[in-house]
């Protein structure tokens, strides 16, 4: 993401190197502050007892995950995505993390690996029917959710016991992305 210019030879090069080194330390301090902000955002997704021992990761521009803090309790939390219109930090167990990886890779999640996710800061606006919609359109049933938890990867019969309306009442549990490989239960907590 950040690239350094080539340093010219001679005294001018040493002066430039000195300036770049000083700026590099400032950039590292800025990154540390940015990482702290992302960690705080990620931790807001789950109850304090879960968040304090969770691994914190952030998505790089390249699409790869970068670990900001290693955890010990099997949960992984991600900060708010600044590219989305609302808050969307999330925290998930191992099975839910695998489900998210499958979703991002456009592959089917492994059947029967039930996972649990927290989004206690709420969810950003999203399509309730199209897992890959990026903006509201006439037929993609855009919704806004408040603080909620999710159950992912359950057997299809589990989801059949909950409403699958394209335009759900988001104050009650409902199935998002119904009848797709990425269907999951959305359960409000407030």
Protein backbone atom coordinates (compact mmCIF):
# COMPACT_ATOMS: atom_id res chain seq x y z
CA UNK A 1 0.00 0.00 0.00
CA UNK A 2 2.76 2.42 0.95
CA UNK A 3 5.83 2.50 -1.23
CA UNK A 4 9.17 4.22 -0.60
CA UNK A 5 10.90 6.14 -3.33
CA UNK A 6 14.43 5.08 -4.29
CA UNK A 7 17.12 6.94 -2.41
CA UNK A 8 19.65 8.76 -4.56
CA UNK A 9 23.36 8.19 -3.98
CA UNK A 10 25.77 10.53 -2.22
CA UNK A 11 25.12 13.08 0.49
CA UNK A 12 21.71 13.97 -0.90
CA UNK A 13 20.80 10.32 -0.56
CA UNK A 14 21.91 10.22 3.09
CA UNK A 15 19.88 13.34 3.84
CA UNK A 16 16.85 11.83 2.14
CA UNK A 17 17.36 8.58 4.04
CA UNK A 18 17.44 10.50 7.32
CA UNK A 19 14.18 12.26 6.47
CA UNK A 20 12.55 9.04 5.31
CA UNK A 21 13.66 7.21 8.45
CA UNK A 22 12.20 9.93 10.67
CA UNK A 23 8.97 9.89 8.65
CA UNK A 24 8.94 6.09 8.87
CA UNK A 25 8.93 6.24 12.67
CA UNK A 26 6.05 8.74 12.52
CA UNK A 27 4.17 6.44 10.12
CA UNK A 28 4.71 3.50 12.51
CA UNK A 29 3.29 5.56 15.38
CA UNK A 30 0.31 6.51 13.22
CA UNK A 31 -0.24 2.86 12.26
CA UNK A 32 -0.14 1.90 15.93
CA UNK A 33 -2.85 4.48 16.67
CA UNK A 34 -4.86 3.22 13.70
CA UNK A 35 -4.48 -0.37 14.89
CA UNK A 36 -5.65 0.63 18.39
CA UNK A 37 -8.72 2.28 16.90
CA UNK A 38 -9.47 -0.85 14.83
CA UNK A 39 -9.01 -3.06 17.90
CA UNK A 40 -11.47 -0.93 19.90
CA UNK A 41 -13.96 -1.07 17.01
CA UNK A 42 -13.62 -4.85 16.72
CA UNK A 43 -14.07 -5.33 20.47
CA UNK A 44 -17.33 -3.36 20.39
CA UNK A 45 -18.90 -6.23 18.44
CA UNK A 46 -19.01 -8.71 21.33
CA UNK A 47 -19.57 -8.82 25.09
CA UNK A 48 -16.51 -7.55 26.99
CA UNK A 49 -15.63 -11.01 28.37
CA UNK A 50 -15.53 -12.43 24.82
CA UNK A 51 -13.82 -9.45 23.20
CA UNK A 52 -10.99 -9.11 25.72
CA UNK A 53 -9.48 -12.48 24.79
CA UNK A 54 -10.48 -12.60 21.10
CA UNK A 55 -8.07 -12.45 18.19
CA UNK A 56 -8.48 -9.16 16.33
CA UNK A 57 -8.00 -9.11 12.56
CA UNK A 58 -8.43 -6.46 9.89
CA UNK A 59 -8.98 -6.84 6.16
CA UNK A 60 -6.19 -5.34 4.09
CA UNK A 61 -6.87 -3.57 0.78
CA UNK A 62 -5.52 -6.71 -0.92
CA UNK A 63 -8.29 -8.78 0.68
CA UNK A 64 -5.91 -10.59 3.05
CA UNK A 65 -6.45 -10.63 6.80
CA UNK A 66 -3.87 -9.04 9.08
CA UNK A 67 -3.75 -10.01 12.76
CA UNK A 68 -3.75 -6.95 15.00
CA UNK A 69 -3.83 -8.90 18.27
CA UNK A 70 -3.59 -12.63 18.93
CA UNK A 71 -6.29 -14.00 21.23
CA UNK A 72 -6.81 -17.12 23.31
CA UNK A 73 -10.55 -17.89 23.41
CA UNK A 74 -11.30 -19.09 19.87
CA UNK A 75 -13.21 -15.94 18.84
CA UNK A 76 -12.06 -13.59 16.10
CA UNK A 77 -13.27 -10.00 15.90
CA UNK A 78 -13.11 -7.61 12.96
CA UNK A 79 -13.48 -3.81 13.09
CA UNK A 80 -16.07 -1.71 11.30
CA UNK A 81 -15.61 -1.54 7.55
CA UNK A 82 -15.27 2.19 6.76
CA UNK A 83 -16.47 1.57 3.19
CA UNK A 84 -19.95 0.58 4.38
CA UNK A 85 -22.64 3.08 5.33
CA UNK A 86 -23.13 1.99 8.95
CA UNK A 87 -21.40 0.17 11.80
CA UNK A 88 -20.55 -3.45 11.15
CA UNK A 89 -17.85 -4.76 13.51
CA UNK A 90 -18.29 -8.47 14.10
CA UNK A 91 -16.94 -11.19 16.35
CA UNK A 92 -17.22 -14.87 15.55
CA UNK A 93 -16.24 -18.33 16.66
CA UNK A 94 -14.06 -20.63 14.54
CA UNK A 95 -16.93 -22.17 12.56
CA UNK A 96 -18.44 -18.77 11.82
CA UNK A 97 -15.02 -17.53 10.67
CA UNK A 98 -14.86 -20.45 8.22
CA UNK A 99 -18.37 -19.54 7.03
CA UNK A 100 -17.28 -15.92 6.45
CA UNK A 101 -14.22 -17.10 4.49
CA UNK A 102 -16.47 -19.25 2.28
CA UNK A 103 -18.84 -16.32 1.72
CA UNK A 104 -15.97 -13.97 0.81
CA UNK A 105 -14.50 -16.61 -1.52
CA UNK A 106 -17.90 -17.29 -3.15
CA UNK A 107 -17.65 -20.96 -2.15
CA UNK A 108 -20.16 -23.05 -0.24
CA UNK A 109 -19.67 -23.22 3.54
CA UNK A 110 -19.00 -26.67 4.96
CA UNK A 111 -22.41 -28.17 5.85
CA UNK A 112 -23.14 -28.84 9.50
CA UNK A 113 -20.48 -26.54 10.96
CA UNK A 114 -22.71 -24.32 13.06
CA UNK A 115 -21.12 -21.01 13.98
CA UNK A 116 -22.03 -18.07 16.19
CA UNK A 117 -21.42 -14.38 15.48
CA UNK A 118 -21.91 -11.18 17.46
CA UNK A 119 -22.67 -7.80 15.91
CA UNK A 120 -23.55 -5.88 19.06
CA UNK A 121 -22.81 -2.49 17.45
CA UNK A 122 -25.42 -3.24 14.82
CA UNK A 123 -25.15 -4.07 11.17
CA UNK A 124 -24.69 -1.87 8.22
CA UNK A 125 -27.42 -1.49 5.64
CA UNK A 126 -27.46 -4.61 3.46
CA UNK A 127 -29.50 -6.61 1.04
CA UNK A 128 -31.55 -9.29 2.74
CA UNK A 129 -31.64 -11.44 -0.39
CA UNK A 130 -28.34 -10.91 -2.28
CA UNK A 131 -25.18 -11.85 -0.35
CA UNK A 132 -23.04 -9.76 -2.72
CA UNK A 133 -25.16 -6.63 -3.26
CA UNK A 134 -23.20 -3.43 -2.72
CA UNK A 135 -26.02 -0.89 -2.94
CA UNK A 136 -29.80 -0.75 -2.73
CA UNK A 137 -31.68 -1.67 -5.88
CA UNK A 138 -35.38 -2.20 -6.58
CA UNK A 139 -35.21 -5.98 -6.16
CA UNK A 140 -32.55 -6.64 -3.50
CA UNK A 141 -34.61 -5.83 -0.37
CA UNK A 142 -32.22 -3.49 1.43
CA UNK A 143 -32.58 -3.56 5.23
CA UNK A 144 -30.94 -1.99 8.27
CA UNK A 145 -30.36 -4.04 11.38
CA UNK A 146 -29.57 -3.04 14.93
CA UNK A 147 -27.46 -4.99 17.42
CA UNK A 148 -27.86 -8.71 16.80
CA UNK A 149 -26.30 -12.16 16.92
CA UNK A 150 -26.20 -14.66 14.07
CA UNK A 151 -26.24 -18.42 13.75
CA UNK A 152 -24.56 -19.60 10.56
CA UNK A 153 -23.93 -23.01 9.04
CA UNK A 154 -26.94 -24.75 10.58
CA UNK A 155 -28.91 -27.42 8.80
CA UNK A 156 -31.52 -26.05 6.36
CA UNK A 157 -34.33 -27.44 8.52
CA UNK A 158 -33.23 -25.16 11.36
CA UNK A 159 -33.75 -22.07 9.19
CA UNK A 160 -37.14 -23.35 8.02
CA UNK A 161 -38.50 -22.68 11.52
CA UNK A 162 -37.91 -18.89 11.19
CA UNK A 163 -39.41 -16.22 8.91
CA UNK A 164 -37.74 -15.98 5.51
CA UNK A 165 -39.48 -12.87 4.24
CA UNK A 166 -37.50 -10.76 1.78
CA UNK A 167 -38.69 -7.74 3.78
CA UNK A 168 -38.51 -8.97 7.38
CA UNK A 169 -39.43 -7.33 10.65
CA UNK A 170 -35.84 -6.78 11.85
CA UNK A 171 -37.02 -6.46 15.46
CA UNK A 172 -37.69 -10.24 15.42
CA UNK A 173 -35.46 -13.19 14.48
CA UNK A 174 -35.41 -13.82 10.71
CA UNK A 175 -33.37 -15.62 8.07
CA UNK A 176 -31.08 -13.47 5.96
CA UNK A 177 -30.04 -14.66 2.47
CA UNK A 178 -32.78 -17.31 2.72
CA UNK A 179 -32.39 -20.42 0.59
CA UNK A 180 -28.81 -19.55 -0.45
CA UNK A 181 -25.66 -21.30 0.81
CA UNK A 182 -25.18 -18.24 3.06
CA UNK A 183 -28.55 -18.23 4.81
CA UNK A 184 -28.22 -17.47 8.49
CA UNK A 185 -30.39 -16.57 11.45
CA UNK A 186 -30.40 -12.91 12.48
CA UNK A 187 -31.54 -12.46 16.09
CA UNK A 188 -31.87 -8.92 17.48
CA UNK A 189 -30.59 -8.35 21.00
CA UNK A 190 -32.26 -5.02 21.81
